Amino acid sequence: MTAALEQTCKKLKSDTPEARKHVADRLIECAKSGRRSMAHLIEAGEQALVQLEVSRPSSRWWRRVIGN
């Protein structure tokens, strides 16, 4: 699980403790569900990365909101 966490976190744009915790939580959920292979854990980690990107508004989005 540690290897999957490290491999996934290498892809983080901003490697913060909060982001790592989010990824780690998704890996734990994956493992608890019985999906414990490296492939499954990395897949869960990559899905966690997508969730992080979706929850973080892009600068373009913010510019549209403020009208710049």
Protein backbone atom coordinates (compact mmCIF):
# COMPACT_ATOMS: atom_id res chain seq x y z
CA MET A 1 0.00 0.00 0.00
CA THR A 2 2.89 2.36 0.73
CA ALA A 3 4.31 1.80 -2.75
CA ALA A 4 0.93 2.61 -4.33
CA LEU A 5 0.67 5.76 -2.21
CA GLU A 6 4.14 6.95 -3.19
CA GLN A 7 3.63 6.14 -6.87
CA THR A 8 0.32 7.99 -6.91
CA CYS A 9 1.58 11.01 -4.97
CA LYS A 10 4.39 11.52 -7.50
CA LYS A 11 1.62 12.67 -9.85
CA LEU A 12 0.22 15.29 -7.46
CA LYS A 13 0.46 18.86 -8.68
CA SER A 14 0.61 20.05 -5.07
CA ASP A 15 1.95 17.40 -2.70
CA THR A 16 0.39 18.52 0.56
CA PRO A 17 -0.39 16.49 3.69
CA GLU A 18 -4.10 16.95 2.97
CA ALA A 19 -3.76 15.63 -0.57
CA ARG A 20 -1.72 12.64 0.63
CA LYS A 21 -4.35 11.90 3.30
CA HIS A 22 -7.10 11.97 0.67
CA VAL A 23 -5.18 9.51 -1.52
CA ALA A 24 -4.31 7.31 1.48
CA ASP A 25 -7.95 7.23 2.60
CA ARG A 26 -9.04 6.06 -0.87
CA LEU A 27 -6.34 3.35 -0.84
CA ILE A 28 -7.52 2.14 2.56
CA GLU A 29 -11.13 2.01 1.32
CA CYS A 30 -9.97 0.03 -1.70
CA ALA A 31 -8.05 -2.46 0.44
CA LYS A 32 -10.91 -2.86 2.91
CA SER A 33 -13.22 -3.70 0.01
CA GLY A 34 -10.99 -6.65 -0.84
CA ARG A 35 -9.21 -5.08 -3.80
CA ARG A 36 -5.63 -5.35 -2.59
CA SER A 37 -3.54 -5.88 -5.71
CA MET A 38 -1.08 -3.19 -6.72
CA ALA A 39 -3.10 -2.55 -9.87
CA HIS A 40 -6.29 -2.00 -7.87
CA LEU A 41 -4.57 0.26 -5.37
CA ILE A 42 -2.98 2.38 -8.08
CA GLU A 43 -6.33 2.64 -9.85
CA ALA A 44 -7.93 3.83 -6.60
CA GLY A 45 -5.10 6.31 -6.13
CA GLU A 46 -5.53 7.71 -9.62
CA GLN A 47 -9.26 8.09 -9.02
CA ALA A 48 -8.42 10.00 -5.85
CA LEU A 49 -6.23 12.34 -7.92
CA VAL A 50 -9.16 12.99 -10.24
CA GLN A 51 -11.37 13.78 -7.24
CA LEU A 52 -8.77 16.26 -5.99
CA GLU A 53 -8.58 18.01 -9.36
CA VAL A 54 -12.36 18.21 -9.69
CA SER A 55 -12.75 19.67 -6.21
CA ARG A 56 -10.11 22.36 -6.86
CA PRO A 57 -11.38 25.14 -9.13
CA SER A 58 -9.08 26.07 -11.97
CA SER A 59 -7.80 29.59 -12.46
CA ARG A 60 -9.82 29.84 -15.70
CA TRP A 61 -12.99 29.01 -13.78
CA TRP A 62 -12.17 31.68 -11.21
CA ARG A 63 -11.52 34.25 -13.95
CA ARG A 64 -14.94 33.54 -15.45
CA VAL A 65 -16.55 34.05 -12.04
CA ILE A 66 -14.83 37.37 -11.39
CA GLY A 67 -15.13 38.50 -15.01
CA ASN A 68 -11.45 38.82 -15.97
